[in-house]
Amino acid sequence: MKKTAPKPQKFHVRRGDQVMVIAGDDKGKTGIITKMLVEKQRAIVEGLNVVKRAVKPSNENPEGGFIEKEASIHISNLMLVDPKTGKPTRIGRRKNAAGKLERYSKKSGETIKNNG
């Protein structure tokens, strides 16, 4: 039996969105999503969930040592920030005048720009 490709998932957040962390060590902090890991349902948020990693010496880093980098956060722990109020909000989808689906803030009704 042949496997069919899974249907692409639609998440409530996208690359380029400003989000707030609602659970974990960085709870309450905001940042912009720089990368989405779709298969794992995780996102990398700029400046949040920073971890230290040991690095072996290499050509670009001859000393080796420790580097700090952003680790991924599960998207269930992220909430979109309302563009109007700056507070976290749930999102909805509706058709615009052109008949295309657009995301909007449930709190203010404001359309969320697709800047990702």
PDB file of N, CA and C in Angstrom:
ATOM      1  N   MET A   1       0.835  -1.177   0.000  1.00  0.00           N
ATOM      2  CA  MET A   1       0.000   0.000   0.000  1.00  0.00           C
ATOM      3  C   MET A   1       0.884   1.246   0.000  1.00  0.00           C
ATOM      4  N   LYS A   2       0.573   2.160  -0.888  1.00  0.00           N
ATOM      5  CA  LYS A   2       1.393   3.357  -1.059  1.00  0.00           C
ATOM      6  C   LYS A   2       0.960   4.453  -0.084  1.00  0.00           C
ATOM      7  N   LYS A   3       1.953   5.092   0.538  1.00  0.00           N
ATOM      8  CA  LYS A   3       1.643   6.195   1.451  1.00  0.00           C
ATOM      9  C   LYS A   3       1.395   7.466   0.658  1.00  0.00           C
ATOM     10  N   THR A   4       0.387   8.218   1.071  1.00  0.00           N
ATOM     11  CA  THR A   4       0.122   9.500   0.421  1.00  0.00           C
ATOM     12  C   THR A   4       0.768  10.610   1.243  1.00  0.00           C
ATOM     13  N   ALA A   5       1.097  11.683   0.580  1.00  0.00           N
ATOM     14  CA  ALA A   5       1.733  12.812   1.264  1.00  0.00           C
ATOM     15  C   ALA A   5       0.734  13.434   2.234  1.00  0.00           C
ATOM     16  N   PRO A   6       1.176  13.786   3.446  1.00  0.00           N
ATOM     17  CA  PRO A   6       0.246  14.393   4.402  1.00  0.00           C
ATOM     18  C   PRO A   6      -0.189  15.785   3.946  1.00  0.00           C
ATOM     19  N   LYS A   7      -1.406  16.130   4.299  1.00  0.00           N
ATOM     20  CA  LYS A   7      -1.960  17.439   3.961  1.00  0.00           C
ATOM     21  C   LYS A   7      -1.174  18.520   4.711  1.00  0.00           C
ATOM     22  N   PRO A   8      -0.776  19.600   4.035  1.00  0.00           N
ATOM     23  CA  PRO A   8       0.003  20.628   4.740  1.00  0.00           C
ATOM     24  C   PRO A   8      -0.817  21.254   5.872  1.00  0.00           C
ATOM     25  N   GLN A   9      -0.163  21.446   7.014  1.00  0.00           N
ATOM     26  CA  GLN A   9      -0.857  21.980   8.174  1.00  0.00           C
ATOM     27  C   GLN A   9      -0.881  23.497   8.146  1.00  0.00           C
ATOM     28  N   LYS A  10      -1.941  24.067   8.700  1.00  0.00           N
ATOM     29  CA  LYS A  10      -2.018  25.514   8.855  1.00  0.00           C
ATOM     30  C   LYS A  10      -1.865  25.816  10.329  1.00  0.00           C
ATOM     31  N   PHE A  11      -0.862  26.608  10.641  1.00  0.00           N
ATOM     32  CA  PHE A  11      -0.606  26.978  12.019  1.00  0.00           C
ATOM     33  C   PHE A  11      -1.130  28.380  12.286  1.00  0.00           C
ATOM     34  N   HIS A  12      -1.293  28.701  13.567  1.00  0.00           N
ATOM     35  CA  HIS A  12      -1.780  30.027  13.929  1.00  0.00           C
ATOM     36  C   HIS A  12      -0.674  31.075  13.869  1.00  0.00           C
ATOM     37  N   VAL A  13       0.584  30.635  13.711  1.00  0.00           N
ATOM     38  CA  VAL A  13       1.711  31.568  13.597  1.00  0.00           C
ATOM     39  C   VAL A  13       2.511  31.232  12.343  1.00  0.00           C
ATOM     40  N   ARG A  14       3.212  32.233  11.825  1.00  0.00           N
ATOM     41  CA  ARG A  14       4.042  32.076  10.632  1.00  0.00           C
ATOM     42  C   ARG A  14       5.362  32.796  10.843  1.00  0.00           C
ATOM     43  N   ARG A  15       6.305  32.534   9.931  1.00  0.00           N
ATOM     44  CA  ARG A  15       7.578  33.235   9.991  1.00  0.00           C
ATOM     45  C   ARG A  15       7.340  34.735   9.813  1.00  0.00           C
ATOM     46  N   GLY A  16       7.987  35.549  10.651  1.00  0.00           N
ATOM     47  CA  GLY A  16       7.817  36.999  10.575  1.00  0.00           C
ATOM     48  C   GLY A  16       6.776  37.542  11.546  1.00  0.00           C
ATOM     49  N   ASP A  17       5.986  36.671  12.173  1.00  0.00           N
ATOM     50  CA  ASP A  17       4.970  37.117  13.135  1.00  0.00           C
ATOM     51  C   ASP A  17       5.624  37.517  14.457  1.00  0.00           C
ATOM     52  N   GLN A  18       5.045  38.510  15.099  1.00  0.00           N
ATOM     53  CA  GLN A  18       5.457  38.851  16.457  1.00  0.00           C
ATOM     54  C   GLN A  18       4.606  38.010  17.403  1.00  0.00           C
ATOM     55  N   VAL A  19       5.296  37.261  18.285  1.00  0.00           N
ATOM     56  CA  VAL A  19       4.602  36.345  19.179  1.00  0.00           C
ATOM     57  C   VAL A  19       5.022  36.567  20.620  1.00  0.00           C
ATOM     58  N   MET A  20       4.169  36.086  21.530  1.00  0.00           N
ATOM     59  CA  MET A  20       4.470  36.113  22.961  1.00  0.00           C
ATOM     60  C   MET A  20       4.514  34.668  23.445  1.00  0.00           C
ATOM     61  N   VAL A  21       5.493  34.382  24.311  1.00  0.00           N
ATOM     62  CA  VAL A  21       5.608  33.041  24.887  1.00  0.00           C
ATOM     63  C   VAL A  21       4.630  32.967  26.053  1.00  0.00           C
ATOM     64  N   ILE A  22       3.775  31.923  26.076  1.00  0.00           N
ATOM     65  CA  ILE A  22       2.761  31.814  27.132  1.00  0.00           C
ATOM     66  C   ILE A  22       3.074  30.725  28.145  1.00  0.00           C
ATOM     67  N   ALA A  23       4.172  29.978  27.917  1.00  0.00           N
ATOM     68  CA  ALA A  23       4.567  28.936  28.868  1.00  0.00           C
ATOM     69  C   ALA A  23       6.067  28.717  28.775  1.00  0.00           C
ATOM     70  N   GLY A  24       6.673  28.335  29.890  1.00  0.00           N
ATOM     71  CA  GLY A  24       8.097  28.032  29.898  1.00  0.00           C
ATOM     72  C   GLY A  24       8.908  29.119  30.580  1.00  0.00           C
ATOM     73  N   ASP A  25      10.240  28.994  30.476  1.00  0.00           N
ATOM     74  CA  ASP A  25      11.147  29.920  31.155  1.00  0.00           C
ATOM     75  C   ASP A  25      11.022  31.354  30.638  1.00  0.00           C
ATOM     76  N   ASP A  26      10.711  31.525  29.365  1.00  0.00           N
ATOM     77  CA  ASP A  26      10.619  32.858  28.765  1.00  0.00           C
ATOM     78  C   ASP A  26       9.187  33.379  28.731  1.00  0.00           C
ATOM     79  N   LYS A  27       8.327  32.880  29.609  1.00  0.00           N
ATOM     80  CA  LYS A  27       6.914  33.264  29.634  1.00  0.00           C
ATOM     81  C   LYS A  27       6.775  34.783  29.755  1.00  0.00           C
ATOM     82  N   GLY A  28       5.926  35.364  28.896  1.00  0.00           N
ATOM     83  CA  GLY A  28       5.671  36.794  28.925  1.00  0.00           C
ATOM     84  C   GLY A  28       6.556  37.600  27.990  1.00  0.00           C
ATOM     85  N   LYS A  29       7.615  37.016  27.458  1.00  0.00           N
ATOM     86  CA  LYS A  29       8.515  37.733  26.554  1.00  0.00           C
ATOM     87  C   LYS A  29       7.993  37.647  25.128  1.00  0.00           C
ATOM     88  N   THR A  30       8.331  38.659  24.322  1.00  0.00           N
ATOM     89  CA  THR A  30       7.895  38.686  22.932  1.00  0.00           C
ATOM     90  C   THR A  30       9.095  38.677  22.001  1.00  0.00           C
ATOM     91  N   GLY A  31       8.868  38.237  20.777  1.00  0.00           N
ATOM     92  CA  GLY A  31       9.906  38.214  19.755  1.00  0.00           C
ATOM     93  C   GLY A  31       9.299  37.892  18.403  1.00  0.00           C
ATOM     94  N   ILE A  32      10.151  37.904  17.389  1.00  0.00           N
ATOM     95  CA  ILE A  32       9.697  37.647  16.031  1.00  0.00           C
ATOM     96  C   ILE A  32      10.181  36.267  15.600  1.00  0.00           C
ATOM     97  N   ILE A  33       9.304  35.509  14.960  1.00  0.00           N
ATOM     98  CA  ILE A  33       9.652  34.168  14.497  1.00  0.00           C
ATOM     99  C   ILE A  33      10.607  34.289  13.316  1.00  0.00           C
ATOM    100  N   THR A  34      11.779  33.634  13.436  1.00  0.00           N
ATOM    101  CA  THR A  34      12.761  33.669  12.361  1.00  0.00           C
ATOM    102  C   THR A  34      12.719  32.412  11.510  1.00  0.00           C
ATOM    103  N   LYS A  35      12.280  31.289  12.098  1.00  0.00           N
ATOM    104  CA  LYS A  35      12.262  30.036  11.358  1.00  0.00           C
ATOM    105  C   LYS A  35      11.165  29.135  11.907  1.00  0.00           C
ATOM    106  N   MET A  36      10.473  28.436  11.006  1.00  0.00           N
ATOM    107  CA  MET A  36       9.455  27.465  11.402  1.00  0.00           C
ATOM    108  C   MET A  36       9.973  26.061  11.094  1.00  0.00           C
ATOM    109  N   LEU A  37       9.847  25.150  12.060  1.00  0.00           N
ATOM    110  CA  LEU A  37      10.184  23.750  11.862  1.00  0.00           C
ATOM    111  C   LEU A  37       8.857  23.000  11.770  1.00  0.00           C
ATOM    112  N   VAL A  38       8.310  22.922  10.563  1.00  0.00           N
ATOM    113  CA  VAL A  38       6.943  22.452  10.332  1.00  0.00           C
ATOM    114  C   VAL A  38       6.747  21.011  10.786  1.00  0.00           C
ATOM    115  N   GLU A  39       7.708  20.129  10.482  1.00  0.00           N
ATOM    116  CA  GLU A  39       7.548  18.712  10.804  1.00  0.00           C
ATOM    117  C   GLU A  39       7.447  18.495  12.316  1.00  0.00           C
ATOM    118  N   LYS A  40       8.168  19.312  13.083  1.00  0.00           N
ATOM    119  CA  LYS A  40       8.188  19.162  14.540  1.00  0.00           C
ATOM    120  C   LYS A  40       7.188  20.080  15.238  1.00  0.00           C
ATOM    121  N   GLN A  41       6.486  20.917  14.483  1.00  0.00           N
ATOM    122  CA  GLN A  41       5.533  21.903  15.009  1.00  0.00           C
ATOM    123  C   GLN A  41       6.214  22.829  16.015  1.00  0.00           C
ATOM    124  N   ARG A  42       7.390  23.320  15.649  1.00  0.00           N
ATOM    125  CA  ARG A  42       8.166  24.195  16.524  1.00  0.00           C
ATOM    126  C   ARG A  42       8.594  25.428  15.745  1.00  0.00           C
ATOM    127  N   ALA A  43       8.975  26.477  16.478  1.00  0.00           N
ATOM    128  CA  ALA A  43       9.430  27.719  15.858  1.00  0.00           C
ATOM    129  C   ALA A  43      10.646  28.242  16.612  1.00  0.00           C
ATOM    130  N   ILE A  44      11.511  28.938  15.891  1.00  0.00           N
ATOM    131  CA  ILE A  44      12.652  29.606  16.517  1.00  0.00           C
ATOM    132  C   ILE A  44      12.311  31.085  16.575  1.00  0.00           C
ATOM    133  N   VAL A  45      12.334  31.642  17.801  1.00  0.00           N
ATOM    134  CA  VAL A  45      11.960  33.034  18.023  1.00  0.00           C
ATOM    135  C   VAL A  45      13.219  33.823  18.371  1.00  0.00           C
ATOM    136  N   GLU A  46      13.374  34.962  17.695  1.00  0.00           N
ATOM    137  CA  GLU A  46      14.556  35.797  17.847  1.00  0.00           C
ATOM    138  C   GLU A  46      14.747  36.247  19.294  1.00  0.00           C
ATOM    139  N   GLY A  47      15.896  35.886  19.885  1.00  0.00           N
ATOM    140  CA  GLY A  47      16.263  36.344  21.224  1.00  0.00           C
ATOM    141  C   GLY A  47      15.617  35.584  22.373  1.00  0.00           C
ATOM    142  N   LEU A  48      14.831  34.548  22.093  1.00  0.00           N
ATOM    143  CA  LEU A  48      14.164  33.806  23.162  1.00  0.00           C
ATOM    144  C   LEU A  48      14.635  32.357  23.188  1.00  0.00           C
ATOM    145  N   ASN A  49      14.503  31.728  24.365  1.00  0.00           N
ATOM    146  CA  ASN A  49      14.897  30.339  24.583  1.00  0.00           C
ATOM    147  C   ASN A  49      16.358  30.117  24.178  1.00  0.00           C
ATOM    148  N   VAL A  50      17.227  31.013  24.668  1.00  0.00           N
ATOM    149  CA  VAL A  50      18.653  30.964  24.334  1.00  0.00           C
ATOM    150  C   VAL A  50      19.329  29.883  25.172  1.00  0.00           C
ATOM    151  N   VAL A  51      20.086  29.007  24.494  1.00  0.00           N
ATOM    152  CA  VAL A  51      20.797  27.926  25.164  1.00  0.00           C
ATOM    153  C   VAL A  51      22.287  28.035  24.832  1.00  0.00           C
ATOM    154  N   LYS A  52      23.127  27.452  25.703  1.00  0.00           N
ATOM    155  CA  LYS A  52      24.568  27.412  25.450  1.00  0.00           C
ATOM    156  C   LYS A  52      24.913  26.054  24.879  1.00  0.00           C
ATOM    157  N   ARG A  53      25.747  26.046  23.854  1.00  0.00           N
ATOM    158  CA  ARG A  53      26.177  24.813  23.217  1.00  0.00           C
ATOM    159  C   ARG A  53      27.692  24.793  23.144  1.00  0.00           C
ATOM    160  N   ALA A  54      28.270  23.626  23.419  1.00  0.00           N
ATOM    161  CA  ALA A  54      29.715  23.457  23.298  1.00  0.00           C
ATOM    162  C   ALA A  54      30.050  23.253  21.822  1.00  0.00           C
ATOM    163  N   VAL A  55      31.118  23.921  21.354  1.00  0.00           N
ATOM    164  CA  VAL A  55      31.518  23.836  19.959  1.00  0.00           C
ATOM    165  C   VAL A  55      32.981  23.414  19.885  1.00  0.00           C
ATOM    166  N   LYS A  56      33.261  22.427  19.044  1.00  0.00           N
ATOM    167  CA  LYS A  56      34.645  22.000  18.836  1.00  0.00           C
ATOM    168  C   LYS A  56      35.373  23.042  17.996  1.00  0.00           C
ATOM    169  N   PRO A  57      36.684  23.127  18.125  1.00  0.00           N
ATOM    170  CA  PRO A  57      37.437  24.076  17.279  1.00  0.00           C
ATOM    171  C   PRO A  57      37.246  23.754  15.794  1.00  0.00           C
ATOM    172  N   SER A  58      37.094  24.809  14.990  1.00  0.00           N
ATOM    173  CA  SER A  58      36.926  24.662  13.547  1.00  0.00           C
ATOM    174  C   SER A  58      37.597  25.850  12.865  1.00  0.00           C
ATOM    175  N   ASN A  59      37.519  25.914  11.541  1.00  0.00           N
ATOM    176  CA  ASN A  59      38.150  27.020  10.811  1.00  0.00           C
ATOM    177  C   ASN A  59      37.543  28.366  11.172  1.00  0.00           C
ATOM    178  N   GLU A  60      36.205  28.429  11.263  1.00  0.00           N
ATOM    179  CA  GLU A  60      35.590  29.726  11.583  1.00  0.00           C
ATOM    180  C   GLU A  60      35.650  30.046  13.067  1.00  0.00           C
ATOM    181  N   ASN A  61      35.818  29.024  13.923  1.00  0.00           N
ATOM    182  CA  ASN A  61      35.930  29.240  15.371  1.00  0.00           C
ATOM    183  C   ASN A  61      37.126  28.408  15.891  1.00  0.00           C
ATOM    184  N   PRO A  62      38.367  28.919  15.700  1.00  0.00           N
ATOM    185  CA  PRO A  62      39.548  28.124  16.057  1.00  0.00           C
ATOM    186  C   PRO A  62      39.681  27.838  17.546  1.00  0.00           C
ATOM    187  N   GLU A  63      39.078  28.667  18.384  1.00  0.00           N
ATOM    188  CA  GLU A  63      39.156  28.471  19.831  1.00  0.00           C
ATOM    189  C   GLU A  63      38.211  27.375  20.326  1.00  0.00           C
ATOM    190  N   GLY A  64      37.077  27.213  19.647  1.00  0.00           N
ATOM    191  CA  GLY A  64      36.053  26.303  20.160  1.00  0.00           C
ATOM    192  C   GLY A  64      35.337  26.980  21.305  1.00  0.00           C
ATOM    193  N   GLY A  65      34.913  26.232  22.309  1.00  0.00           N
ATOM    194  CA  GLY A  65      34.271  26.818  23.487  1.00  0.00           C
ATOM    195  C   GLY A  65      32.771  26.728  23.425  1.00  0.00           C
ATOM    196  N   PHE A  66      32.100  27.738  24.000  1.00  0.00           N
ATOM    197  CA  PHE A  66      30.644  27.747  24.093  1.00  0.00           C
ATOM    198  C   PHE A  66      30.059  28.867  23.254  1.00  0.00           C
ATOM    199  N   ILE A  67      28.936  28.570  22.592  1.00  0.00           N
ATOM    200  CA  ILE A  67      28.188  29.600  21.870  1.00  0.00           C
ATOM    201  C   ILE A  67      26.766  29.617  22.409  1.00  0.00           C
ATOM    202  N   GLU A  68      26.117  30.762  22.287  1.00  0.00           N
ATOM    203  CA  GLU A  68      24.706  30.876  22.676  1.00  0.00           C
ATOM    204  C   GLU A  68      23.881  30.968  21.411  1.00  0.00           C
ATOM    205  N   LYS A  69      22.803  30.177  21.352  1.00  0.00           N
ATOM    206  CA  LYS A  69      21.920  30.235  20.191  1.00  0.00           C
ATOM    207  C   LYS A  69      20.488  29.985  20.632  1.00  0.00           C
ATOM    208  N   GLU A  70      19.549  30.392  19.766  1.00  0.00           N
ATOM    209  CA  GLU A  70      18.139  30.216  20.073  1.00  0.00           C
ATOM    210  C   GLU A  70      17.722  28.773  19.805  1.00  0.00           C
ATOM    211  N   ALA A  71      17.025  28.180  20.755  1.00  0.00           N
ATOM    212  CA  ALA A  71      16.467  26.843  20.570  1.00  0.00           C
ATOM    213  C   ALA A  71      15.001  27.006  20.170  1.00  0.00           C
ATOM    214  N   SER A  72      14.425  25.946  19.629  1.00  0.00           N
ATOM    215  CA  SER A  72      13.041  26.021  19.156  1.00  0.00           C
ATOM    216  C   SER A  72      12.061  25.939  20.325  1.00  0.00           C
ATOM    217  N   ILE A  73      10.873  26.487  20.089  1.00  0.00           N
ATOM    218  CA  ILE A  73       9.782  26.483  21.063  1.00  0.00           C
ATOM    219  C   ILE A  73       8.574  25.862  20.364  1.00  0.00           C
ATOM    220  N   HIS A  74       7.851  24.993  21.050  1.00  0.00           N
ATOM    221  CA  HIS A  74       6.661  24.388  20.449  1.00  0.00           C
ATOM    222  C   HIS A  74       5.617  25.478  20.207  1.00  0.00           C
ATOM    223  N   ILE A  75       4.936  25.405  19.058  1.00  0.00           N
ATOM    224  CA  ILE A  75       4.020  26.487  18.700  1.00  0.00           C
ATOM    225  C   ILE A  75       2.812  26.589  19.625  1.00  0.00           C
ATOM    226  N   SER A  76       2.527  25.530  20.395  1.00  0.00           N
ATOM    227  CA  SER A  76       1.426  25.610  21.350  1.00  0.00           C
ATOM    228  C   SER A  76       1.765  26.562  22.494  1.00  0.00           C
ATOM    229  N   ASN A  77       3.039  26.867  22.673  1.00  0.00           N
ATOM    230  CA  ASN A  77       3.476  27.784  23.728  1.00  0.00           C
ATOM    231  C   ASN A  77       3.655  29.201  23.217  1.00  0.00           C
ATOM    232  N   LEU A  78       3.227  29.465  21.990  1.00  0.00           N
ATOM    233  CA  LEU A  78       3.339  30.796  21.394  1.00  0.00           C
ATOM    234  C   LEU A  78       1.953  31.336  21.083  1.00  0.00           C
ATOM    235  N   MET A  79       1.795  32.636  21.272  1.00  0.00           N
ATOM    236  CA  MET A  79       0.534  33.291  20.946  1.00  0.00           C
ATOM    237  C   MET A  79       0.844  34.553  20.160  1.00  0.00           C
ATOM    238  N   LEU A  80       0.097  34.779  19.105  1.00  0.00           N
ATOM    239  CA  LEU A  80       0.302  35.936  18.255  1.00  0.00           C
ATOM    240  C   LEU A  80       0.008  37.221  19.024  1.00  0.00           C
ATOM    241  N   VAL A  81       0.807  38.264  18.777  1.00  0.00           N
ATOM    242  CA  VAL A  81       0.585  39.563  19.417  1.00  0.00           C
ATOM    243  C   VAL A  81      -0.304  40.391  18.499  1.00  0.00           C
ATOM    244  N   ASP A  82      -1.383  40.939  19.062  1.00  0.00           N
ATOM    245  CA  ASP A  82      -2.337  41.759  18.324  1.00  0.00           C
ATOM    246  C   ASP A  82      -1.624  43.005  17.791  1.00  0.00           C
ATOM    247  N   PRO A  83      -1.724  43.294  16.479  1.00  0.00           N
ATOM    248  CA  PRO A  83      -1.032  44.465  15.930  1.00  0.00           C
ATOM    249  C   PRO A  83      -1.580  45.796  16.457  1.00  0.00           C
ATOM    250  N   LYS A  84      -2.831  45.799  16.917  1.00  0.00           N
ATOM    251  CA  LYS A  84      -3.449  47.041  17.389  1.00  0.00           C
ATOM    252  C   LYS A  84      -3.148  47.304  18.866  1.00  0.00           C
ATOM    253  N   THR A  85      -3.329  46.294  19.723  1.00  0.00           N
ATOM    254  CA  THR A  85      -3.202  46.498  21.167  1.00  0.00           C
ATOM    255  C   THR A  85      -1.851  46.077  21.722  1.00  0.00           C
ATOM    256  N   GLY A  86      -1.127  45.197  21.023  1.00  0.00           N
ATOM    257  CA  GLY A  86       0.152  44.710  21.528  1.00  0.00           C
ATOM    258  C   GLY A  86       0.007  43.614  22.566  1.00  0.00           C
ATOM    259  N   LYS A  87      -1.205  43.078  22.716  1.00  0.00           N
ATOM    260  CA  LYS A  87      -1.452  41.999  23.675  1.00  0.00           C
ATOM    261  C   LYS A  87      -1.646  40.692  22.911  1.00  0.00           C
ATOM    262  N   PRO A  88      -1.431  39.537  23.575  1.00  0.00           N
ATOM    263  CA  PRO A  88      -1.615  38.267  22.877  1.00  0.00           C
ATOM    264  C   PRO A  88      -3.084  38.045  22.509  1.00  0.00           C
ATOM    265  N   THR A  89      -3.295  37.415  21.363  1.00  0.00           N
ATOM    266  CA  THR A  89      -4.647  37.195  20.877  1.00  0.00           C
ATOM    267  C   THR A  89      -4.738  35.874  20.126  1.00  0.00           C
ATOM    268  N   ARG A  90      -5.945  35.329  20.064  1.00  0.00           N
ATOM    269  CA  ARG A  90      -6.193  34.183  19.205  1.00  0.00           C
ATOM    270  C   ARG A  90      -6.453  34.722  17.804  1.00  0.00           C
ATOM    271  N   ILE A  91      -6.332  33.854  16.800  1.00  0.00           N
ATOM    272  CA  ILE A  91      -6.577  34.319  15.439  1.00  0.00           C
ATOM    273  C   ILE A  91      -7.727  33.547  14.818  1.00  0.00           C
ATOM    274  N   GLY A  92      -8.321  34.170  13.825  1.00  0.00           N
ATOM    275  CA  GLY A  92      -9.366  33.526  13.043  1.00  0.00           C
ATOM    276  C   GLY A  92      -9.026  33.692  11.574  1.00  0.00           C
ATOM    277  N   ARG A  93      -9.758  33.002  10.723  1.00  0.00           N
ATOM    278  CA  ARG A  93      -9.569  33.139   9.278  1.00  0.00           C
ATOM    279  C   ARG A  93     -10.905  33.522   8.660  1.00  0.00           C
ATOM    280  N   ARG A  94     -10.854  34.495   7.743  1.00  0.00           N
ATOM    281  CA  ARG A  94     -12.056  34.917   7.035  1.00  0.00           C
ATOM    282  C   ARG A  94     -11.673  35.300   5.608  1.00  0.00           C
ATOM    283  N   LYS A  95     -12.666  35.344   4.736  1.00  0.00           N
ATOM    284  CA  LYS A  95     -12.404  35.735   3.355  1.00  0.00           C
ATOM    285  C   LYS A  95     -12.455  37.247   3.249  1.00  0.00           C
ATOM    286  N   ASN A  96     -11.474  37.811   2.520  1.00  0.00           N
ATOM    287  CA  ASN A  96     -11.461  39.258   2.319  1.00  0.00           C
ATOM    288  C   ASN A  96     -12.279  39.611   1.077  1.00  0.00           C
ATOM    289  N   ALA A  97     -12.222  40.873   0.661  1.00  0.00           N
ATOM    290  CA  ALA A  97     -13.023  41.333  -0.472  1.00  0.00           C
ATOM    291  C   ALA A  97     -12.657  40.605  -1.759  1.00  0.00           C
ATOM    292  N   ALA A  98     -11.387  40.206  -1.880  1.00  0.00           N
ATOM    293  CA  ALA A  98     -10.944  39.502  -3.083  1.00  0.00           C
ATOM    294  C   ALA A  98     -11.283  38.013  -3.042  1.00  0.00           C
ATOM    295  N   GLY A  99     -11.817  37.544  -1.911  1.00  0.00           N
ATOM    296  CA  GLY A  99     -12.188  36.146  -1.787  1.00  0.00           C
ATOM    297  C   GLY A  99     -11.065  35.246  -1.282  1.00  0.00           C
ATOM    298  N   LYS A 100      -9.949  35.855  -0.882  1.00  0.00           N
ATOM    299  CA  LYS A 100      -8.835  35.063  -0.343  1.00  0.00           C
ATOM    300  C   LYS A 100      -8.936  35.011   1.176  1.00  0.00           C
ATOM    301  N   LEU A 101      -8.427  33.918   1.761  1.00  0.00           N
ATOM    302  CA  LEU A 101      -8.427  33.802   3.219  1.00  0.00           C
ATOM    303  C   LEU A 101      -7.396  34.742   3.824  1.00  0.00           C
ATOM    304  N   GLU A 102      -7.787  35.407   4.895  1.00  0.00           N
ATOM    305  CA  GLU A 102      -6.855  36.263   5.626  1.00  0.00           C
ATOM    306  C   GLU A 102      -6.973  35.955   7.114  1.00  0.00           C
ATOM    307  N   ARG A 103      -5.894  36.182   7.828  1.00  0.00           N
ATOM    308  CA  ARG A 103      -5.918  35.974   9.278  1.00  0.00           C
ATOM    309  C   ARG A 103      -6.304  37.284   9.948  1.00  0.00           C
ATOM    310  N   TYR A 104      -7.083  37.171  11.035  1.00  0.00           N
ATOM    311  CA  TYR A 104      -7.459  38.376  11.762  1.00  0.00           C
ATOM    312  C   TYR A 104      -7.398  38.113  13.261  1.00  0.00           C
ATOM    313  N   SER A 105      -7.237  39.188  14.019  1.00  0.00           N
ATOM    314  CA  SER A 105      -7.166  39.106  15.467  1.00  0.00           C
ATOM    315  C   SER A 105      -8.565  38.980  16.033  1.00  0.00           C
ATOM    316  N   LYS A 106      -8.766  38.004  16.918  1.00  0.00           N
ATOM    317  CA  LYS A 106     -10.084  37.820  17.522  1.00  0.00           C
ATOM    318  C   LYS A 106     -10.389  38.943  18.512  1.00  0.00           C
ATOM    319  N   LYS A 107      -9.350  39.574  19.095  1.00  0.00           N
ATOM    320  CA  LYS A 107      -9.577  40.632  20.082  1.00  0.00           C
ATOM    321  C   LYS A 107     -10.022  41.926  19.430  1.00  0.00           C
ATOM    322  N   SER A 108      -9.274  42.368  18.410  1.00  0.00           N
ATOM    323  CA  SER A 108      -9.560  43.684  17.833  1.00  0.00           C
ATOM    324  C   SER A 108     -10.246  43.605  16.466  1.00  0.00           C
ATOM    325  N   GLY A 109     -10.229  42.440  15.832  1.00  0.00           N
ATOM    326  CA  GLY A 109     -10.804  42.316  14.499  1.00  0.00           C
ATOM    327  C   GLY A 109      -9.855  42.802  13.415  1.00  0.00           C
ATOM    328  N   GLU A 110      -8.662  43.235  13.795  1.00  0.00           N
ATOM    329  CA  GLU A 110      -7.652  43.768  12.887  1.00  0.00           C
ATOM    330  C   GLU A 110      -7.082  42.645  12.010  1.00  0.00           C
ATOM    331  N   THR A 111      -6.873  42.937  10.728  1.00  0.00           N
ATOM    332  CA  THR A 111      -6.252  41.969   9.815  1.00  0.00           C
ATOM    333  C   THR A 111      -4.779  41.853  10.155  1.00  0.00           C
ATOM    334  N   ILE A 112      -4.273  40.621  10.115  1.00  0.00           N
ATOM    335  CA  ILE A 112      -2.852  40.383  10.398  1.00  0.00           C
ATOM    336  C   ILE A 112      -2.128  40.279   9.071  1.00  0.00           C
ATOM    337  N   LYS A 113      -1.126  41.133   8.901  1.00  0.00           N
ATOM    338  CA  LYS A 113      -0.356  41.156   7.665  1.00  0.00           C
ATOM    339  C   LYS A 113       0.498  39.908   7.549  1.00  0.00           C
ATOM    340  N   ASN A 114       0.604  39.367   6.348  1.00  0.00           N
ATOM    341  CA  ASN A 114       1.451  38.204   6.092  1.00  0.00           C
ATOM    342  C   ASN A 114       2.839  38.700   5.712  1.00  0.00           C
ATOM    343  N   ASN A 115       3.655  38.970   6.722  1.00  0.00           N
ATOM    344  CA  ASN A 115       4.986  39.527   6.459  1.00  0.00           C
ATOM    345  C   ASN A 115       6.069  38.478   6.549  1.00  0.00           C
ATOM    346  N   GLY A 116       5.726  37.193   6.423  1.00  0.00           N
ATOM    347  CA  GLY A 116       6.709  36.135   6.527  1.00  0.00           C
ATOM    348  C   GLY A 116       7.087  35.588   5.264  1.00  0.00           C
TER     349      GLY A 116
END
